[in-house]
């Protein structure tokens, strides 16, 4: 459960930072790159929780 909570806090922090940055810098290639990177981050977080058993093992 600890990995889940800390992961969500980290992802929320990164999303907040990138959201503010993308709000000020409205370049389409940067937006595409950030969206793809965030999708990979969330996918990796899901995979790590699934493989780790969410810390229960």
PDB file of N, CA and C in Angstrom:
ATOM      1  N   UNK A   1       0.828  -1.198   0.000  1.00  0.00           N
ATOM      2  CA  UNK A   1       0.000   0.000   0.000  1.00  0.00           C
ATOM      3  C   UNK A   1       0.869   1.258   0.000  1.00  0.00           C
ATOM      4  N   UNK A   2       2.045   1.160   0.598  1.00  0.00           N
ATOM      5  CA  UNK A   2       2.945   2.309   0.645  1.00  0.00           C
ATOM      6  C   UNK A   2       3.396   2.704  -0.756  1.00  0.00           C
ATOM      7  N   UNK A   3       3.721   1.712  -1.588  1.00  0.00           N
ATOM      8  CA  UNK A   3       4.131   2.007  -2.960  1.00  0.00           C
ATOM      9  C   UNK A   3       3.013   2.695  -3.737  1.00  0.00           C
ATOM     10  N   UNK A   4       1.799   2.290  -3.495  1.00  0.00           N
ATOM     11  CA  UNK A   4       0.658   2.885  -4.183  1.00  0.00           C
ATOM     12  C   UNK A   4       0.482   4.354  -3.802  1.00  0.00           C
ATOM     13  N   UNK A   5       0.518   4.635  -2.503  1.00  0.00           N
ATOM     14  CA  UNK A   5       0.294   6.002  -2.030  1.00  0.00           C
ATOM     15  C   UNK A   5       1.427   6.927  -2.455  1.00  0.00           C
ATOM     16  N   UNK A   6       2.671   6.495  -2.248  1.00  0.00           N
ATOM     17  CA  UNK A   6       3.797   7.349  -2.629  1.00  0.00           C
ATOM     18  C   UNK A   6       3.880   7.522  -4.143  1.00  0.00           C
ATOM     19  N   UNK A   7       3.509   6.485  -4.879  1.00  0.00           N
ATOM     20  CA  UNK A   7       3.479   6.598  -6.334  1.00  0.00           C
ATOM     21  C   UNK A   7       2.447   7.612  -6.806  1.00  0.00           C
ATOM     22  N   UNK A   8       1.272   7.574  -6.196  1.00  0.00           N
ATOM     23  CA  UNK A   8       0.234   8.543  -6.566  1.00  0.00           C
ATOM     24  C   UNK A   8       0.641   9.966  -6.221  1.00  0.00           C
ATOM     25  N   UNK A   9       1.291  10.152  -5.077  1.00  0.00           N
ATOM     26  CA  UNK A   9       1.760  11.486  -4.702  1.00  0.00           C
ATOM     27  C   UNK A   9       2.806  11.976  -5.699  1.00  0.00           C
ATOM     28  N   UNK A  10       3.717  11.102  -6.082  1.00  0.00           N
ATOM     29  CA  UNK A  10       4.742  11.472  -7.049  1.00  0.00           C
ATOM     30  C   UNK A  10       4.164  11.794  -8.415  1.00  0.00           C
ATOM     31  N   UNK A  11       3.243  10.971  -8.880  1.00  0.00           N
ATOM     32  CA  UNK A  11       2.619  11.211 -10.184  1.00  0.00           C
ATOM     33  C   UNK A  11       1.812  12.505 -10.161  1.00  0.00           C
ATOM     34  N   UNK A  12       1.113  12.768  -9.061  1.00  0.00           N
ATOM     35  CA  UNK A  12       0.353  14.016  -8.950  1.00  0.00           C
ATOM     36  C   UNK A  12       1.283  15.230  -8.979  1.00  0.00           C
ATOM     37  N   UNK A  13       2.429  15.117  -8.314  1.00  0.00           N
ATOM     38  CA  UNK A  13       3.398  16.224  -8.323  1.00  0.00           C
ATOM     39  C   UNK A  13       3.954  16.482  -9.706  1.00  0.00           C
ATOM     40  N   UNK A  14       4.312  15.421 -10.411  1.00  0.00           N
ATOM     41  CA  UNK A  14       4.846  15.576 -11.774  1.00  0.00           C
ATOM     42  C   UNK A  14       3.767  16.137 -12.699  1.00  0.00           C
ATOM     43  N   UNK A  15       2.550  15.650 -12.586  1.00  0.00           N
ATOM     44  CA  UNK A  15       1.461  16.153 -13.432  1.00  0.00           C
ATOM     45  C   UNK A  15       1.177  17.627 -13.151  1.00  0.00           C
ATOM     46  N   UNK A  16       1.224  18.014 -11.900  1.00  0.00           N
ATOM     47  CA  UNK A  16       1.016  19.417 -11.545  1.00  0.00           C
ATOM     48  C   UNK A  16       2.108  20.292 -12.138  1.00  0.00           C
ATOM     49  N   UNK A  17       3.360  19.876 -11.966  1.00  0.00           N
ATOM     50  CA  UNK A  17       4.480  20.641 -12.505  1.00  0.00           C
ATOM     51  C   UNK A  17       4.391  20.758 -14.022  1.00  0.00           C
ATOM     52  N   UNK A  18       4.167  19.631 -14.705  1.00  0.00           N
ATOM     53  CA  UNK A  18       4.091  19.663 -16.164  1.00  0.00           C
ATOM     54  C   UNK A  18       2.868  20.434 -16.642  1.00  0.00           C
ATOM     55  N   UNK A  19       1.779  20.339 -15.913  1.00  0.00           N
ATOM     56  CA  UNK A  19       0.579  21.088 -16.286  1.00  0.00           C
ATOM     57  C   UNK A  19       0.806  22.585 -16.239  1.00  0.00           C
ATOM     58  N   UNK A  20       1.463  23.052 -15.174  1.00  0.00           N
ATOM     59  CA  UNK A  20       1.771  24.479 -15.065  1.00  0.00           C
ATOM     60  C   UNK A  20       2.751  24.897 -16.161  1.00  0.00           C
ATOM     61  N   UNK A  21       3.769  24.072 -16.392  1.00  0.00           N
ATOM     62  CA  UNK A  21       4.753  24.393 -17.417  1.00  0.00           C
ATOM     63  C   UNK A  21       4.105  24.445 -18.806  1.00  0.00           C
ATOM     64  N   UNK A  22       3.250  23.471 -19.095  1.00  0.00           N
ATOM     65  CA  UNK A  22       2.614  23.442 -20.405  1.00  0.00           C
ATOM     66  C   UNK A  22       1.578  24.554 -20.574  1.00  0.00           C
ATOM     67  N   UNK A  23       1.057  25.049 -19.463  1.00  0.00           N
ATOM     68  CA  UNK A  23       0.116  26.163 -19.530  1.00  0.00           C
ATOM     69  C   UNK A  23       0.825  27.426 -20.023  1.00  0.00           C
ATOM     70  N   UNK A  24       2.089  27.600 -19.593  1.00  0.00           N
ATOM     71  CA  UNK A  24       2.842  28.789 -19.980  1.00  0.00           C
ATOM     72  C   UNK A  24       3.563  28.610 -21.312  1.00  0.00           C
ATOM     73  N   UNK A  25       4.042  27.414 -21.596  1.00  0.00           N
ATOM     74  CA  UNK A  25       4.759  27.151 -22.845  1.00  0.00           C
ATOM     75  C   UNK A  25       3.839  26.312 -23.727  1.00  0.00           C
ATOM     76  N   UNK A  26       3.185  26.965 -24.651  1.00  0.00           N
ATOM     77  CA  UNK A  26       2.171  26.277 -25.459  1.00  0.00           C
ATOM     78  C   UNK A  26       2.750  25.842 -26.803  1.00  0.00           C
ATOM     79  N   UNK A  27       3.742  24.975 -26.749  1.00  0.00           N
ATOM     80  CA  UNK A  27       4.339  24.423 -27.963  1.00  0.00           C
ATOM     81  C   UNK A  27       3.779  23.014 -28.171  1.00  0.00           C
ATOM     82  N   UNK A  28       3.234  22.774 -29.331  1.00  0.00           N
ATOM     83  CA  UNK A  28       2.571  21.500 -29.619  1.00  0.00           C
ATOM     84  C   UNK A  28       3.523  20.304 -29.476  1.00  0.00           C
ATOM     85  N   UNK A  29       4.771  20.368 -29.989  1.00  0.00           N
ATOM     86  CA  UNK A  29       5.654  19.207 -29.809  1.00  0.00           C
ATOM     87  C   UNK A  29       5.946  18.904 -28.336  1.00  0.00           C
ATOM     88  N   UNK A  30       6.088  19.938 -27.520  1.00  0.00           N
ATOM     89  CA  UNK A  30       6.323  19.738 -26.086  1.00  0.00           C
ATOM     90  C   UNK A  30       5.106  19.100 -25.425  1.00  0.00           C
ATOM     91  N   UNK A  31       3.932  19.507 -25.805  1.00  0.00           N
ATOM     92  CA  UNK A  31       2.704  18.930 -25.248  1.00  0.00           C
ATOM     93  C   UNK A  31       2.603  17.453 -25.606  1.00  0.00           C
ATOM     94  N   UNK A  32       2.892  17.120 -26.858  1.00  0.00           N
ATOM     95  CA  UNK A  32       2.832  15.719 -27.297  1.00  0.00           C
ATOM     96  C   UNK A  32       3.841  14.871 -26.529  1.00  0.00           C
ATOM     97  N   UNK A  33       5.051  15.377 -26.382  1.00  0.00           N
ATOM     98  CA  UNK A  33       6.089  14.637 -25.666  1.00  0.00           C
ATOM     99  C   UNK A  33       5.688  14.429 -24.209  1.00  0.00           C
ATOM    100  N   UNK A  34       5.193  15.469 -23.558  1.00  0.00           N
ATOM    101  CA  UNK A  34       4.806  15.349 -22.151  1.00  0.00           C
ATOM    102  C   UNK A  34       3.648  14.386 -21.960  1.00  0.00           C
ATOM    103  N   UNK A  35       2.684  14.395 -22.851  1.00  0.00           N
ATOM    104  CA  UNK A  35       1.549  13.468 -22.745  1.00  0.00           C
ATOM    105  C   UNK A  35       2.022  12.029 -22.914  1.00  0.00           C
ATOM    106  N   UNK A  36       2.896  11.794 -23.892  1.00  0.00           N
ATOM    107  CA  UNK A  36       3.412  10.443 -24.094  1.00  0.00           C
ATOM    108  C   UNK A  36       4.246   9.971 -22.901  1.00  0.00           C
ATOM    109  N   UNK A  37       5.075  10.848 -22.371  1.00  0.00           N
ATOM    110  CA  UNK A  37       5.900  10.479 -21.210  1.00  0.00           C
ATOM    111  C   UNK A  37       5.024  10.191 -19.996  1.00  0.00           C
ATOM    112  N   UNK A  38       3.976  10.975 -19.783  1.00  0.00           N
ATOM    113  CA  UNK A  38       3.087  10.729 -18.645  1.00  0.00           C
ATOM    114  C   UNK A  38       2.325   9.416 -18.833  1.00  0.00           C
ATOM    115  N   UNK A  39       1.959   9.096 -20.071  1.00  0.00           N
ATOM    116  CA  UNK A  39       1.296   7.816 -20.326  1.00  0.00           C
ATOM    117  C   UNK A  39       2.237   6.659 -20.005  1.00  0.00           C
ATOM    118  N   UNK A  40       3.506   6.778 -20.389  1.00  0.00           N
ATOM    119  CA  UNK A  40       4.485   5.742 -20.056  1.00  0.00           C
ATOM    120  C   UNK A  40       4.717   5.648 -18.552  1.00  0.00           C
ATOM    121  N   UNK A  41       4.720   6.791 -17.869  1.00  0.00           N
ATOM    122  CA  UNK A  41       4.901   6.803 -16.415  1.00  0.00           C
ATOM    123  C   UNK A  41       3.760   6.067 -15.718  1.00  0.00           C
ATOM    124  N   UNK A  42       2.551   6.338 -16.128  1.00  0.00           N
ATOM    125  CA  UNK A  42       1.391   5.695 -15.510  1.00  0.00           C
ATOM    126  C   UNK A  42       1.365   4.201 -15.831  1.00  0.00           C
ATOM    127  N   UNK A  43       1.728   3.843 -17.065  1.00  0.00           N
ATOM    128  CA  UNK A  43       1.785   2.430 -17.433  1.00  0.00           C
ATOM    129  C   UNK A  43       2.849   1.689 -16.609  1.00  0.00           C
ATOM    130  N   UNK A  44       4.007   2.301 -16.440  1.00  0.00           N
ATOM    131  CA  UNK A  44       5.068   1.684 -15.652  1.00  0.00           C
ATOM    132  C   UNK A  44       4.667   1.563 -14.183  1.00  0.00           C
ATOM    133  N   UNK A  45       3.982   2.575 -13.660  1.00  0.00           N
ATOM    134  CA  UNK A  45       3.493   2.524 -12.280  1.00  0.00           C
ATOM    135  C   UNK A  45       2.511   1.364 -12.110  1.00  0.00           C
ATOM    136  N   UNK A  46       1.617   1.200 -13.062  1.00  0.00           N
ATOM    137  CA  UNK A  46       0.656   0.095 -13.021  1.00  0.00           C
ATOM    138  C   UNK A  46       1.373  -1.254 -13.065  1.00  0.00           C
ATOM    139  N   UNK A  47       2.338  -1.378 -13.962  1.00  0.00           N
ATOM    140  CA  UNK A  47       3.085  -2.631 -14.090  1.00  0.00           C
ATOM    141  C   UNK A  47       3.877  -2.940 -12.826  1.00  0.00           C
ATOM    142  N   UNK A  48       4.485  -1.933 -12.220  1.00  0.00           N
ATOM    143  CA  UNK A  48       5.279  -2.178 -11.016  1.00  0.00           C
ATOM    144  C   UNK A  48       4.389  -2.573  -9.837  1.00  0.00           C
ATOM    145  N   UNK A  49       3.214  -1.992  -9.734  1.00  0.00           N
ATOM    146  CA  UNK A  49       2.295  -2.393  -8.665  1.00  0.00           C
ATOM    147  C   UNK A  49       1.792  -3.813  -8.888  1.00  0.00           C
ATOM    148  N   UNK A  50       1.511  -4.141 -10.122  1.00  0.00           N
ATOM    149  CA  UNK A  50       1.012  -5.477 -10.445  1.00  0.00           C
ATOM    150  C   UNK A  50       2.073  -6.547 -10.199  1.00  0.00           C
ATOM    151  N   UNK A  51       3.313  -6.262 -10.573  1.00  0.00           N
ATOM    152  CA  UNK A  51       4.395  -7.237 -10.400  1.00  0.00           C
ATOM    153  C   UNK A  51       4.805  -7.353  -8.933  1.00  0.00           C
ATOM    154  N   UNK A  52       4.718  -6.264  -8.206  1.00  0.00           N
ATOM    155  CA  UNK A  52       5.161  -6.247  -6.815  1.00  0.00           C
ATOM    156  C   UNK A  52       4.079  -6.728  -5.868  1.00  0.00           C
ATOM    157  N   UNK A  53       2.899  -6.896  -6.324  1.00  0.00           N
ATOM    158  CA  UNK A  53       1.811  -7.309  -5.439  1.00  0.00           C
ATOM    159  C   UNK A  53       1.370  -6.213  -4.506  1.00  0.00           C
ATOM    160  N   UNK A  54       1.680  -4.970  -4.845  1.00  0.00           N
ATOM    161  CA  UNK A  54       1.308  -3.799  -4.069  1.00  0.00           C
ATOM    162  C   UNK A  54       1.883  -3.836  -2.654  1.00  0.00           C
ATOM    163  N   UNK A  55       3.036  -4.462  -2.500  1.00  0.00           N
ATOM    164  CA  UNK A  55       3.712  -4.472  -1.211  1.00  0.00           C
ATOM    165  C   UNK A  55       3.156  -5.473  -0.211  1.00  0.00           C
ATOM    166  N   UNK A  56       2.215  -6.298  -0.608  1.00  0.00           N
ATOM    167  CA  UNK A  56       1.586  -7.223   0.323  1.00  0.00           C
ATOM    168  C   UNK A  56       2.426  -8.487   0.539  1.00  0.00           C
ATOM    169  N   UNK A  57       3.415  -8.734  -0.329  1.00  0.00           N
ATOM    170  CA  UNK A  57       4.176  -9.973  -0.236  1.00  0.00           C
ATOM    171  C   UNK A  57       5.372  -9.818   0.535  1.00  0.00           C
TER     172      UNK A  57
END
